[in-house]
Protein backbone atom coordinates (compact mmCIF):
# COMPACT_ATOMS: atom_id res chain seq x y z
CA MET A 1 93.04 -100.63 -186.40
CA ARG A 2 89.70 -98.95 -187.07
CA VAL A 3 89.77 -95.15 -187.24
CA GLY A 4 86.52 -93.24 -187.71
CA ASN A 5 85.65 -89.63 -188.42
CA ALA A 6 82.86 -87.64 -186.78
CA SER A 7 83.42 -84.13 -188.13
CA GLY A 8 84.50 -82.63 -191.43
CA PHE A 9 84.18 -78.97 -190.42
CA TYR A 10 83.21 -76.69 -187.54
CA GLY A 11 79.43 -77.03 -187.59
CA ASP A 12 79.12 -80.58 -188.91
CA ARG A 13 76.41 -82.98 -187.70
CA HIS A 14 76.25 -82.71 -183.90
CA SER A 15 75.08 -86.30 -183.39
CA ALA A 16 77.92 -87.81 -185.42
CA VAL A 17 80.16 -88.45 -182.39
CA ARG A 18 77.48 -90.55 -180.73
CA GLU A 19 76.57 -92.27 -184.00
CA MET A 20 80.17 -93.32 -184.60
CA LEU A 21 80.75 -94.48 -181.02
CA THR A 22 77.59 -96.58 -180.85
CA GLY A 23 77.34 -97.72 -184.48
CA GLY A 24 80.09 -100.34 -184.44
CA PRO A 25 83.61 -101.16 -183.31
CA LEU A 26 86.25 -98.40 -183.34
CA ASP A 27 89.72 -97.93 -181.92
CA VAL A 28 90.09 -94.20 -182.55
CA LEU A 29 87.55 -91.49 -183.34
CA THR A 30 88.81 -88.34 -185.05
CA GLY A 31 87.22 -84.96 -185.64
CA ASP A 32 88.38 -82.28 -188.09
CA TYR A 33 87.08 -78.82 -187.14
CA LEU A 34 89.55 -76.49 -188.85
CA ALA A 35 89.64 -74.77 -192.22
CA GLU A 36 91.13 -71.54 -193.48
CA LEU A 37 87.87 -69.72 -192.81
CA THR A 38 87.55 -71.35 -189.38
CA MET A 39 90.91 -69.95 -188.30
CA LEU A 40 89.62 -66.46 -189.06
CA ILE A 41 86.42 -67.10 -187.12
CA LEU A 42 88.37 -68.42 -184.13
CA GLY A 43 90.75 -65.47 -184.38
CA ARG A 44 87.85 -63.05 -184.04
CA ASP A 45 86.54 -65.11 -181.10
CA ARG A 46 89.92 -64.77 -179.41
CA LEU A 47 89.87 -60.99 -179.87
CA LYS A 48 86.67 -60.89 -177.82
CA ASP A 49 87.96 -63.30 -175.15
CA PRO A 50 91.59 -64.55 -174.96
CA ALA A 51 90.35 -67.73 -173.27
CA ARG A 52 88.45 -68.69 -176.41
CA GLY A 53 89.78 -69.73 -179.80
CA TYR A 54 88.73 -73.38 -179.86
CA ALA A 55 85.71 -75.21 -181.29
CA LYS A 56 83.10 -74.97 -178.55
CA THR A 57 80.76 -77.46 -180.21
CA PHE A 58 83.30 -80.24 -179.60
CA LEU A 59 82.88 -79.83 -175.84
CA ARG A 60 79.11 -80.09 -176.13
CA GLN A 61 79.46 -83.27 -178.20
CA LEU A 62 81.93 -84.70 -175.71
CA GLU A 63 79.66 -83.95 -172.77
CA GLU A 64 77.13 -86.34 -174.26
CA CYS A 65 79.60 -89.03 -175.30
CA LEU A 66 82.84 -89.03 -173.28
CA GLY A 67 81.55 -91.76 -170.96
CA GLU A 68 80.57 -93.84 -173.99
CA ALA A 69 84.08 -93.50 -175.43
CA VAL A 70 85.67 -94.52 -172.12
CA ASP A 71 83.39 -97.54 -171.74
CA ARG A 72 84.19 -98.70 -175.27
CA GLY A 73 87.91 -98.00 -175.05
CA VAL A 74 87.82 -95.58 -177.99
CA ARG A 75 90.48 -92.89 -178.04
CA ILE A 76 89.58 -89.46 -179.38
CA VAL A 77 91.89 -87.30 -181.51
CA THR A 78 90.79 -83.86 -182.71
CA ASN A 79 92.14 -80.54 -183.95
CA ALA A 80 89.25 -78.74 -182.25
CA GLY A 81 91.86 -76.98 -180.10
CA GLY A 82 92.22 -74.46 -182.90
CA LEU A 83 94.12 -71.44 -181.61
CA HIS A 84 94.06 -72.58 -177.97
CA PRO A 85 94.66 -76.33 -177.61
CA ALA A 86 95.82 -75.98 -174.02
CA GLY A 87 92.57 -74.22 -173.16
CA LEU A 88 90.46 -76.95 -174.74
CA ALA A 89 92.51 -79.67 -173.04
CA THR A 90 91.87 -78.00 -169.68
CA ALA A 91 88.16 -77.75 -170.49
CA VAL A 92 88.06 -81.46 -171.39
CA ARG A 93 89.70 -82.36 -168.06
CA GLU A 94 87.17 -80.24 -166.21
CA LEU A 95 84.36 -81.88 -168.16
CA ALA A 96 85.68 -85.35 -167.32
CA GLY A 97 85.74 -84.44 -163.63
CA LYS A 98 82.21 -83.08 -163.83
CA LEU A 99 81.09 -86.36 -165.39
CA GLY A 100 82.87 -88.44 -162.75
CA LEU A 101 85.46 -89.70 -165.23
CA ASP A 102 88.52 -88.72 -163.24
CA GLY A 103 90.78 -91.28 -164.91
CA VAL A 104 90.54 -89.75 -168.38
CA ARG A 105 94.01 -88.77 -169.61
CA VAL A 106 94.04 -85.68 -171.81
CA ALA A 107 97.10 -84.53 -173.77
CA HIS A 108 97.53 -81.69 -176.21
CA VAL A 109 99.88 -80.68 -179.02
CA GLU A 110 101.20 -77.14 -179.39
CA GLY A 111 103.92 -75.18 -181.13
CA ASP A 112 102.03 -74.39 -184.32
CA ASP A 113 101.28 -70.78 -183.28
CA LEU A 114 103.62 -68.43 -185.16
CA GLY A 115 101.83 -65.28 -184.03
CA PRO A 116 104.91 -63.61 -182.47
CA ARG A 117 106.68 -63.86 -185.83
CA HIS A 118 103.75 -62.25 -187.65
CA PRO A 119 102.41 -59.52 -185.34
CA ASP A 120 100.35 -57.98 -188.16
CA ALA A 121 98.35 -61.18 -188.65
CA LEU A 122 95.14 -62.13 -186.86
CA THR A 123 96.25 -65.78 -186.83
CA ALA A 124 99.48 -67.42 -187.96
CA HIS A 125 99.82 -71.18 -187.63
CA ALA A 126 102.07 -73.84 -189.12
CA TYR A 127 100.64 -77.18 -190.16
CA LEU A 128 102.22 -79.79 -187.88
CA GLY A 129 102.30 -83.51 -188.60
CA GLY A 130 101.09 -86.57 -186.71
CA THR A 131 104.24 -87.43 -184.73
CA GLY A 132 103.18 -85.47 -181.67
CA ILE A 133 99.79 -87.17 -181.66
CA ALA A 134 101.54 -90.55 -181.87
CA GLU A 135 103.72 -89.75 -178.86
CA ALA A 136 100.70 -88.66 -176.83
CA LEU A 137 98.90 -91.91 -177.59
CA ARG A 138 101.98 -93.99 -176.83
CA ALA A 139 102.12 -92.27 -173.45
CA GLY A 140 98.57 -93.42 -172.73
CA ALA A 141 96.40 -90.45 -173.67
CA ASP A 142 92.69 -91.13 -174.02
CA VAL A 143 91.98 -87.75 -175.64
CA VAL A 144 94.45 -85.81 -177.76
CA VAL A 145 93.68 -82.19 -178.61
CA THR A 146 95.72 -80.33 -181.22
CA GLY A 147 95.88 -76.93 -182.78
CA ARG A 148 96.76 -76.59 -186.45
CA VAL A 149 97.90 -79.92 -187.82
CA THR A 150 97.34 -81.30 -191.28
CA ASP A 151 93.94 -82.92 -191.59
CA ALA A 152 95.57 -86.28 -192.34
CA ALA A 153 97.69 -86.07 -189.17
CA LEU A 154 94.61 -87.03 -187.16
CA VAL A 155 94.94 -90.47 -188.78
CA THR A 156 98.71 -90.81 -189.34
CA GLY A 157 99.40 -90.16 -185.64
CA PRO A 158 97.16 -92.94 -184.32
CA ALA A 159 98.35 -95.34 -187.04
CA ALA A 160 102.02 -94.69 -186.28
CA ALA A 161 101.40 -95.20 -182.56
CA HIS A 162 99.43 -98.40 -183.08
CA PHE A 163 101.82 -100.09 -185.52
CA GLY A 164 105.09 -98.65 -184.22
CA TRP A 165 105.99 -96.86 -187.44
CA GLY A 166 109.04 -94.66 -187.42
CA PRO A 167 109.82 -91.49 -189.37
CA HIS A 168 111.42 -93.44 -192.23
CA ASP A 169 108.38 -95.65 -192.90
CA HIS A 170 107.42 -93.35 -195.73
CA ASP A 171 105.24 -95.79 -197.68
CA ARG A 172 103.24 -96.79 -194.61
CA ILE A 173 102.77 -93.21 -193.44
CA ALA A 174 101.79 -92.16 -196.97
CA GLY A 175 99.12 -94.85 -196.97
CA ALA A 176 97.76 -93.41 -193.73
CA VAL A 177 97.86 -89.91 -195.24
CA VAL A 178 95.57 -91.12 -198.02
CA ALA A 179 93.28 -92.72 -195.45
CA GLY A 180 93.25 -89.46 -193.52
CA HIS A 181 92.51 -87.41 -196.61
CA LEU A 182 89.61 -89.71 -197.44
CA LEU A 183 88.17 -89.42 -193.92
CA GLU A 184 88.82 -85.74 -193.21
CA CYS A 185 85.71 -84.32 -194.91
CA GLY A 186 83.32 -86.74 -193.28
CA THR A 187 80.38 -87.71 -195.44
CA GLN A 188 82.00 -86.49 -198.66
CA ALA A 189 83.54 -89.99 -198.69
CA THR A 190 80.17 -91.70 -198.26
CA GLY A 191 78.17 -90.09 -201.05
CA GLY A 192 77.86 -86.49 -199.90
CA ASN A 193 78.38 -83.80 -202.57
CA TYR A 194 78.89 -86.56 -205.15
CA ALA A 195 78.68 -85.82 -208.86
CA PHE A 196 76.78 -89.01 -209.77
CA PHE A 197 74.38 -88.88 -206.81
CA THR A 198 71.38 -89.51 -209.07
CA GLU A 199 72.62 -93.07 -209.68
CA HIS A 200 71.89 -93.95 -206.04
CA GLU A 201 68.57 -94.33 -204.28
CA PRO A 202 67.52 -91.04 -202.68
CA ALA A 203 66.89 -92.83 -199.38
CA ALA A 204 70.52 -93.98 -199.28
CA LEU A 205 71.76 -90.39 -199.38
CA LEU A 206 69.16 -88.97 -196.99
CA ARG A 207 71.55 -89.18 -194.02
CA PRO A 208 74.97 -90.50 -195.06
CA GLY A 209 76.94 -92.30 -192.40
CA PHE A 210 80.40 -91.06 -191.49
CA PRO A 211 83.39 -92.96 -192.87
CA LEU A 212 85.95 -95.14 -191.17
CA ALA A 213 89.24 -96.71 -192.25
CA GLU A 214 90.45 -100.20 -191.41
CA ILE A 215 94.18 -99.55 -191.51
CA HIS A 216 96.77 -102.32 -191.84
CA ASP A 217 100.41 -102.44 -190.83
CA ASP A 218 101.61 -102.03 -194.43
CA GLY A 219 99.74 -98.72 -194.73
CA SER A 220 96.94 -100.05 -196.90
CA CYS A 221 93.38 -99.69 -195.71
CA VAL A 222 89.75 -100.38 -196.43
CA ILE A 223 87.40 -97.39 -196.36
CA THR A 224 83.92 -98.29 -195.19
CA LYS A 225 81.19 -97.14 -192.77
CA HIS A 226 79.22 -98.66 -189.94
CA ASP A 227 76.69 -101.29 -190.99
CA GLY A 228 73.18 -99.96 -191.42
CA THR A 229 74.16 -96.33 -191.89
CA GLY A 230 73.20 -94.31 -194.95
CA GLY A 231 75.36 -93.28 -197.84
CA VAL A 232 77.55 -95.13 -200.32
CA VAL A 233 81.25 -95.99 -200.29
CA ASP A 234 82.54 -96.88 -203.73
CA VAL A 235 85.46 -96.14 -206.02
CA GLY A 236 83.68 -93.06 -207.35
CA THR A 237 82.96 -91.42 -204.00
CA LEU A 238 86.55 -91.98 -202.91
CA THR A 239 88.03 -90.79 -206.20
CA ALA A 240 86.10 -87.57 -205.78
CA GLN A 241 87.44 -87.08 -202.27
CA LEU A 242 91.01 -87.93 -203.30
CA LEU A 243 90.90 -85.11 -205.83
CA TYR A 244 89.45 -82.62 -203.36
CA GLU A 245 91.80 -79.71 -202.59
CA THR A 246 94.87 -81.46 -203.98
CA SER A 247 96.97 -80.70 -207.02
CA GLY A 248 99.69 -82.84 -208.58
CA ALA A 249 101.22 -86.26 -208.09
CA ARG A 250 103.21 -85.17 -205.05
CA TYR A 251 101.10 -84.28 -202.00
CA PRO A 252 103.49 -82.72 -199.47
CA GLY A 253 103.05 -82.95 -195.72
CA PRO A 254 105.06 -82.54 -192.53
CA ASP A 255 105.77 -86.27 -192.13
CA VAL A 256 105.87 -87.52 -195.71
CA THR A 257 105.29 -86.54 -199.31
CA THR A 258 102.57 -88.81 -200.63
CA ARG A 259 102.59 -89.92 -204.23
CA LEU A 260 98.97 -89.61 -205.31
CA ASP A 261 99.88 -91.12 -208.67
CA THR A 262 100.46 -94.46 -206.90
CA VAL A 263 97.05 -94.73 -205.21
CA ARG A 264 94.92 -97.64 -206.33
CA LEU A 265 91.26 -98.16 -205.40
CA THR A 266 89.58 -101.57 -205.58
CA GLN A 267 85.92 -102.24 -204.77
CA GLU A 268 86.03 -105.31 -202.50
CA SER A 269 82.32 -105.51 -201.75
CA PRO A 270 79.41 -103.12 -201.22
CA ASP A 271 80.55 -100.12 -199.17
CA ARG A 272 84.10 -101.46 -198.86
CA VAL A 273 86.94 -100.04 -201.00
CA ARG A 274 90.53 -101.17 -200.62
CA VAL A 275 93.16 -98.43 -200.89
CA HIS A 276 96.57 -99.83 -201.71
CA GLY A 277 99.85 -99.33 -203.57
CA VAL A 278 100.57 -95.94 -202.00
CA ARG A 279 104.19 -94.84 -202.05
CA GLY A 280 105.79 -92.12 -199.97
CA GLU A 281 108.90 -89.97 -200.06
CA PRO A 282 110.68 -87.88 -197.42
CA PRO A 283 108.81 -84.68 -196.56
CA PRO A 284 109.96 -81.28 -197.79
CA PRO A 285 112.22 -79.28 -195.44
CA THR A 286 109.57 -76.60 -194.96
CA LEU A 287 106.16 -76.47 -193.33
CA LYS A 288 103.18 -74.66 -194.75
CA ALA A 289 101.79 -71.95 -192.50
CA GLY A 290 98.50 -70.11 -192.90
CA LEU A 291 98.15 -66.43 -192.06
CA THR A 292 94.82 -64.67 -191.75
CA ARG A 293 94.32 -60.93 -191.53
CA VAL A 294 91.41 -58.53 -191.51
CA GLY A 295 91.58 -57.25 -195.06
CA GLY A 296 89.08 -54.46 -194.71
CA HIS A 297 85.31 -54.06 -194.74
CA ARG A 298 82.67 -55.06 -197.24
CA ASN A 299 79.01 -54.53 -197.98
CA GLU A 300 76.62 -55.73 -200.62
CA VAL A 301 73.17 -55.23 -202.02
CA VAL A 302 71.27 -57.42 -204.48
CA PHE A 303 68.76 -55.69 -206.75
CA VAL A 304 65.88 -57.76 -208.15
CA LEU A 305 65.08 -57.06 -211.81
CA THR A 306 61.79 -58.53 -212.99
CA GLY A 307 60.20 -59.06 -216.39
CA LEU A 308 61.13 -57.06 -219.47
CA ASP A 309 64.19 -54.94 -220.29
CA ILE A 310 66.49 -56.68 -217.79
CA GLU A 311 69.70 -55.29 -219.29
CA ALA A 312 68.31 -51.75 -219.39
CA LYS A 313 67.09 -51.98 -215.80
CA ALA A 314 70.52 -53.19 -214.69
CA ALA A 315 72.21 -50.36 -216.58
CA LEU A 316 69.96 -47.76 -214.95
CA ALA A 317 70.47 -49.08 -211.40
CA ARG A 318 74.21 -49.27 -211.95
CA ALA A 319 74.45 -45.75 -213.34
CA GLN A 320 72.40 -44.35 -210.45
CA ILE A 321 74.46 -46.08 -207.76
CA GLU A 322 77.77 -45.19 -209.42
CA ASP A 323 76.67 -41.56 -209.60
CA ALA A 324 75.74 -41.57 -205.92
CA LEU A 325 79.05 -43.16 -204.93
CA ASP A 326 80.97 -40.60 -206.97
CA ARG A 327 79.23 -37.82 -205.09
CA ALA A 328 79.80 -39.39 -201.66
CA ASP A 329 82.48 -38.06 -199.32
CA SER A 330 84.32 -41.40 -199.45
CA ARG A 331 83.82 -43.73 -202.41
CA PRO A 332 84.63 -47.43 -201.73
CA GLY A 333 87.98 -48.48 -203.08
CA GLU A 334 86.57 -51.57 -204.83
CA VAL A 335 83.18 -51.75 -206.52
CA CYS A 336 82.13 -55.02 -208.20
CA TRP A 337 78.94 -55.62 -210.19
CA GLU A 338 77.53 -58.94 -211.41
CA LEU A 339 74.29 -59.57 -213.27
CA ALA A 340 72.92 -63.10 -212.90
CA ARG A 341 70.33 -63.81 -215.59
CA THR A 342 68.16 -66.16 -213.56
CA ASP A 343 65.04 -64.92 -215.38
CA ARG A 344 62.98 -66.84 -217.93
CA ASP A 345 60.71 -65.64 -220.72
CA ASP A 346 56.97 -65.88 -220.09
CA ALA A 347 57.62 -67.20 -216.57
CA ASP A 348 54.72 -68.53 -214.52
CA THR A 349 56.10 -67.23 -211.19
CA GLU A 350 57.48 -63.81 -210.34
CA GLU A 351 60.68 -65.33 -208.97
CA THR A 352 61.49 -67.15 -212.20
CA ALA A 353 60.78 -63.95 -214.12
CA SER A 354 63.51 -62.14 -212.15
CA ALA A 355 67.25 -61.61 -212.52
CA LEU A 356 69.67 -60.56 -209.77
CA LEU A 357 72.07 -57.63 -209.96
CA ARG A 358 74.67 -58.01 -207.20
CA LEU A 359 76.86 -55.17 -206.00
CA VAL A 360 79.79 -55.77 -203.64
CA VAL A 361 81.92 -52.93 -202.29
CA ARG A 362 85.12 -53.21 -200.23
CA ASP A 363 87.39 -50.71 -198.55
CA PRO A 364 89.77 -50.52 -195.57
CA ASP A 365 87.53 -47.84 -194.04
CA PRO A 366 84.21 -49.20 -192.69
CA GLU A 367 82.59 -45.79 -193.25
CA ALA A 368 83.27 -45.98 -196.99
CA VAL A 369 81.18 -49.15 -197.34
CA GLY A 370 78.43 -48.12 -194.96
CA ARG A 371 76.28 -45.04 -195.46
CA PRO A 372 77.49 -44.24 -199.01
CA LEU A 373 76.07 -47.56 -200.22
CA THR A 374 73.07 -48.02 -197.96
CA GLY A 375 71.92 -44.47 -198.50
CA ALA A 376 72.29 -44.67 -202.26
CA ALA A 377 70.40 -47.97 -202.48
CA VAL A 378 67.53 -46.93 -200.20
CA GLU A 379 67.08 -43.55 -201.86
CA LEU A 380 66.45 -45.27 -205.21
CA ALA A 381 63.31 -46.97 -203.91
CA LEU A 382 60.90 -44.66 -205.75
CA GLY A 383 63.13 -43.27 -208.45
CA SER A 384 64.71 -46.12 -210.38
CA TYR A 385 63.62 -48.97 -212.65
CA PRO A 386 60.05 -50.33 -212.61
CA GLY A 387 59.54 -53.04 -210.00
CA PHE A 388 62.49 -51.85 -207.92
CA HIS A 389 63.24 -53.93 -204.82
CA VAL A 390 66.20 -55.66 -203.16
CA THR A 391 66.57 -59.09 -201.57
CA ALA A 392 67.33 -57.58 -198.15
CA PRO A 393 67.77 -54.09 -196.76
CA PRO A 394 71.42 -53.01 -197.02
CA GLY A 395 73.16 -52.80 -193.67
CA LYS A 396 76.45 -51.71 -192.18
CA GLY A 397 79.73 -52.86 -193.60
CA THR A 398 81.31 -55.97 -192.09
CA PRO A 399 84.97 -56.92 -191.78
CA TYR A 400 86.37 -59.54 -194.12
CA GLY A 401 89.50 -61.61 -193.87
CA VAL A 402 92.26 -62.58 -196.26
CA PHE A 403 94.38 -65.72 -196.22
CA GLU A 404 98.03 -66.10 -197.13
CA ALA A 405 100.15 -69.25 -197.24
CA VAL A 406 103.83 -68.99 -196.35
CA TYR A 407 106.52 -71.62 -195.86
CA VAL A 408 108.90 -71.84 -192.94
CA PRO A 409 111.80 -74.23 -192.19
CA ALA A 410 110.42 -77.21 -190.29
CA ALA A 411 113.37 -77.10 -187.90
CA ASP A 412 112.34 -73.57 -186.84
CA VAL A 413 108.87 -74.58 -185.67
CA PRO A 414 108.53 -76.10 -182.20
CA HIS A 415 106.41 -79.24 -182.02
CA VAL A 416 105.56 -79.99 -178.41
CA VAL A 417 103.37 -82.60 -176.74
CA VAL A 418 102.02 -81.82 -173.29
CA LEU A 419 101.08 -85.13 -171.69
CA HIS A 420 98.30 -85.78 -169.23
CA ASP A 421 100.76 -85.65 -166.32
CA GLY A 422 102.18 -82.29 -167.41
CA ARG A 423 105.38 -83.59 -168.97
CA ARG A 424 106.43 -81.79 -172.15
CA LEU A 425 108.01 -83.71 -175.02
CA ASP A 426 109.79 -81.94 -177.86
CA ILE A 427 109.18 -83.59 -181.24
CA PRO A 428 112.21 -83.26 -183.55
CA ALA A 429 111.82 -82.21 -187.15
CA PRO A 430 112.28 -85.00 -189.72
CA GLY A 431 115.93 -85.89 -190.12
CA THR A 432 115.57 -86.71 -193.81
CA THR A 433 113.86 -84.31 -196.19
CA LEU A 434 113.50 -83.93 -199.94
CA ASP A 435 112.90 -80.70 -201.82
CA LEU A 436 109.56 -80.72 -203.54
CA THR A 437 109.69 -80.94 -207.34
CA ASP A 438 107.11 -81.75 -209.98
CA VAL A 439 106.82 -85.31 -211.18
CA PRO A 440 107.49 -85.59 -214.94
CA PRO A 441 104.14 -85.81 -216.72
CA PRO A 442 103.11 -89.40 -217.37
CA PRO A 443 102.60 -90.44 -220.98
CA LEU A 444 99.16 -89.82 -222.40
CA PRO A 445 97.07 -92.86 -223.25
CA GLU A 446 96.49 -93.69 -226.88
CA PRO A 447 93.76 -91.40 -228.26
CA LEU A 448 90.32 -92.92 -228.51
CA PRO A 449 89.54 -93.66 -232.15
CA TYR A 450 86.00 -92.56 -232.90
CA ASP A 451 83.93 -91.30 -235.78
CA ARG A 452 83.94 -87.49 -235.61
CA ASP A 453 80.60 -87.50 -237.38
CA ARG A 454 79.07 -89.56 -234.56
CA VAL A 455 79.22 -87.15 -231.65
CA ARG A 456 76.54 -85.59 -229.50
CA ARG A 457 76.63 -82.04 -228.20
CA ALA A 458 75.93 -82.63 -224.54
CA PRO A 459 77.13 -81.78 -221.01
CA LEU A 460 80.58 -83.06 -220.08
CA GLY A 461 79.05 -84.36 -216.84
CA LEU A 462 77.24 -87.16 -218.67
CA ILE A 463 80.50 -89.08 -218.56
CA ALA A 464 82.77 -87.14 -216.17
CA GLY A 465 82.57 -86.47 -212.47
CA ALA A 466 84.19 -83.48 -210.80
CA ARG A 467 84.90 -82.02 -207.40
CA SER A 468 86.38 -78.63 -206.67
CA GLY A 469 87.51 -76.61 -203.69
CA ASP A 470 89.65 -73.77 -202.40
CA LYS A 471 93.22 -73.38 -201.22
CA GLY A 472 93.69 -69.75 -200.27
CA GLY A 473 93.15 -67.70 -203.41
CA ASP A 474 93.50 -70.72 -205.71
CA ALA A 475 90.97 -73.35 -206.67
CA ASN A 476 91.36 -76.90 -207.85
CA VAL A 477 89.01 -78.83 -210.09
CA GLY A 478 89.44 -82.59 -210.18
CA VAL A 479 87.79 -84.35 -213.11
CA TRP A 480 87.54 -88.12 -213.49
CA VAL A 481 85.89 -90.73 -215.67
CA ARG A 482 84.99 -94.35 -215.01
CA THR A 483 86.11 -96.31 -218.06
CA ASP A 484 89.39 -96.70 -219.91
CA ASP A 485 87.84 -95.49 -223.17
CA ALA A 486 86.48 -92.38 -221.50
CA TRP A 487 89.94 -91.73 -220.04
CA ARG A 488 91.54 -92.02 -223.47
CA TRP A 489 89.11 -89.36 -224.68
CA LEU A 490 89.30 -87.07 -221.63
CA ALA A 491 93.09 -86.97 -221.41
CA HIS A 492 93.33 -85.62 -224.96
CA GLU A 493 90.17 -83.50 -225.01
CA LEU A 494 90.28 -81.56 -221.72
CA THR A 495 93.50 -79.62 -222.14
CA VAL A 496 94.31 -76.37 -220.34
CA GLU A 497 93.19 -74.46 -223.42
CA ARG A 498 89.89 -76.34 -223.52
CA PHE A 499 89.40 -75.79 -219.80
CA ARG A 500 89.81 -72.06 -220.31
CA GLU A 501 87.24 -72.13 -223.10
CA LEU A 502 84.72 -73.90 -220.89
CA ILE A 503 85.50 -71.78 -217.79
CA PRO A 504 85.95 -68.23 -219.14
CA GLU A 505 86.68 -66.99 -215.63
CA SER A 506 90.03 -68.80 -215.81
CA ARG A 507 91.21 -66.93 -218.90
CA GLY A 508 94.15 -64.75 -218.05
CA LEU A 509 94.95 -66.81 -214.95
CA ASP A 510 97.64 -69.46 -214.53
CA VAL A 511 96.06 -72.89 -214.96
CA THR A 512 98.05 -76.08 -214.41
CA ARG A 513 96.86 -79.53 -215.44
CA HIS A 514 98.01 -82.64 -213.57
CA LEU A 515 97.43 -86.17 -214.86
CA LEU A 516 96.61 -89.05 -212.50
CA PRO A 517 96.15 -92.05 -214.80
CA GLY A 518 95.69 -94.50 -211.93
CA LEU A 519 92.50 -92.66 -211.02
CA ARG A 520 91.56 -91.84 -214.64
CA ALA A 521 91.65 -88.25 -213.48
CA LEU A 522 92.85 -84.77 -214.31
CA ASN A 523 93.39 -82.12 -211.67
CA PHE A 524 93.37 -78.46 -212.65
CA VAL A 525 94.74 -75.76 -210.37
CA VAL A 526 93.46 -72.25 -211.16
CA GLU A 527 95.65 -69.68 -209.46
CA GLY A 528 94.13 -66.49 -208.09
CA VAL A 529 90.54 -67.20 -209.08
CA LEU A 530 89.39 -66.67 -205.48
CA GLY A 531 91.31 -63.44 -204.93
CA ALA A 532 92.40 -63.22 -201.30
CA GLY A 533 90.57 -66.39 -200.27
CA VAL A 534 87.17 -67.48 -199.05
CA ALA A 535 86.88 -64.95 -196.24
CA SER A 536 87.23 -62.01 -198.62
CA GLN A 537 83.87 -63.07 -200.15
CA ALA A 538 84.37 -61.42 -203.51
CA ARG A 539 83.23 -64.28 -205.74
CA PHE A 540 79.68 -65.63 -206.13
CA ASP A 541 80.98 -69.04 -205.01
CA PRO A 542 83.83 -67.93 -202.71
CA GLN A 543 85.10 -71.45 -201.95
CA ALA A 544 84.79 -72.74 -205.53
CA LYS A 545 82.69 -75.63 -204.25
CA ALA A 546 80.52 -75.63 -207.39
CA LEU A 547 83.20 -74.79 -209.94
CA GLY A 548 83.43 -78.46 -210.89
CA GLU A 549 79.68 -78.72 -211.35
CA TRP A 550 79.75 -75.68 -213.62
CA LEU A 551 82.42 -77.41 -215.69
CA ARG A 552 80.31 -80.58 -215.87
CA SER A 553 77.35 -78.58 -217.15
CA ARG A 554 79.27 -77.16 -220.11
CA HIS A 555 78.46 -78.71 -223.48
CA VAL A 556 81.12 -80.51 -225.50
CA ASP A 557 81.14 -82.95 -228.43
CA LEU A 558 80.92 -86.37 -226.77
CA PRO A 559 81.62 -89.52 -228.80
CA GLU A 560 78.41 -91.50 -229.15
CA GLU A 561 80.17 -94.70 -228.06
CA LEU A 562 80.83 -93.21 -224.61
CA LEU A 563 77.16 -92.44 -223.99
């Protein structure tokens, strides 16, 4: 079966649904709209209107393309239901009637909402698996809307329904999990955000096509894209996506624990990569659940420091603001300063002669981050360092969210499918489970013998790719190389200690290194580097999207024979 993807996040390319439906043959079209930050956004939408809480853009896309999907016999599976899948399912039925498509059968999956158990949370949702989606499709649904499911469930559900897989087909389901993980972020699998993008023609990456998986009954697949679309599908682009937001060899999910150390990628032809060898194990007895809360209020101001005496200018501005905050009726509970030396000597533009001094304040009380900061910053306009100005006028404080992951027994979470005819089917929890444990580290390859006098001090990224991302307050950085010799060097060179040297921000934090020899890759998990998660917005790069690129830019001693 051919499963395509048309959305990697809430706000992805609007035309992708039509492009995927008209670009070539498909059996199922999926769309992933949810992320940790998205749940917070939808939660705030729901506070304003209880009838909201789903991805509204999906309805607009469907209005343009539902008839096309019906004509082509393509089923649609999406988690755009967010916090209110029943509401979105009703809206889709109403849309179908408006379009004269009265025969469209719409089902939805619910049970993930754990809000009553966590009344202090803005949102609380368990990650369900793909079994409910499979049952909806087996019952004849044309459109399946879910709330919080794992991203891969959008693919495992259709695959299980199509091939008749049962809950004990762990290897097959694990293969579909890998396919789902490769599709879930859309064009990241087809050359988007790719470390070695300069090796491809710029025109090829101008508008990458969205990916699709040709899934086989044994769980293997071929990842490709519609003919004539932009982008690139190769072993490198898929290795990068496999490492994205994962950690060790065992990748747990509601339906199966996937062994990422068994994945093999083979380039079959241009833009066609075979994914095979994937093994699976019973899922853990618990489900992950994500909780979001309003953590407080924040504000920020960015001072521009131009020309000479940058450090002294920063020190003066900081001392003046700190003094003003100390004298305020309510000083913010958290005050963070960061000086970014973006300036250059003898610069030929004012912008390149300037550095940025960023101040972020946070406090539970919105008043503490409002007037005390804005007043202090504005009042410095004529009485601070020479050339004083800011990137934007400081405004009122805004609320920020925090994310927390908890684990609940799978048997305690209802998993319900509401079919197009109103029937409700209860989906049982997996009968066989396996507690999650770490896989023993695989043996290191033999060290690369090389002449220590024949090395070049150069960026790690000359030979290594990387991709990084966020999971709550943690970040992962996947690093891979493309030759066996480079792997022999990397596995011994890039230890946890070396990682901490290259990424000083990780010093003092727990860092775990996982080896994936089949991908010639290392995966580092840095715990707590993102504080309370992306929505708290404390870090310069709050989702750690560029942490891997920072690592690649760091200089190391590279053996000449690898260059």
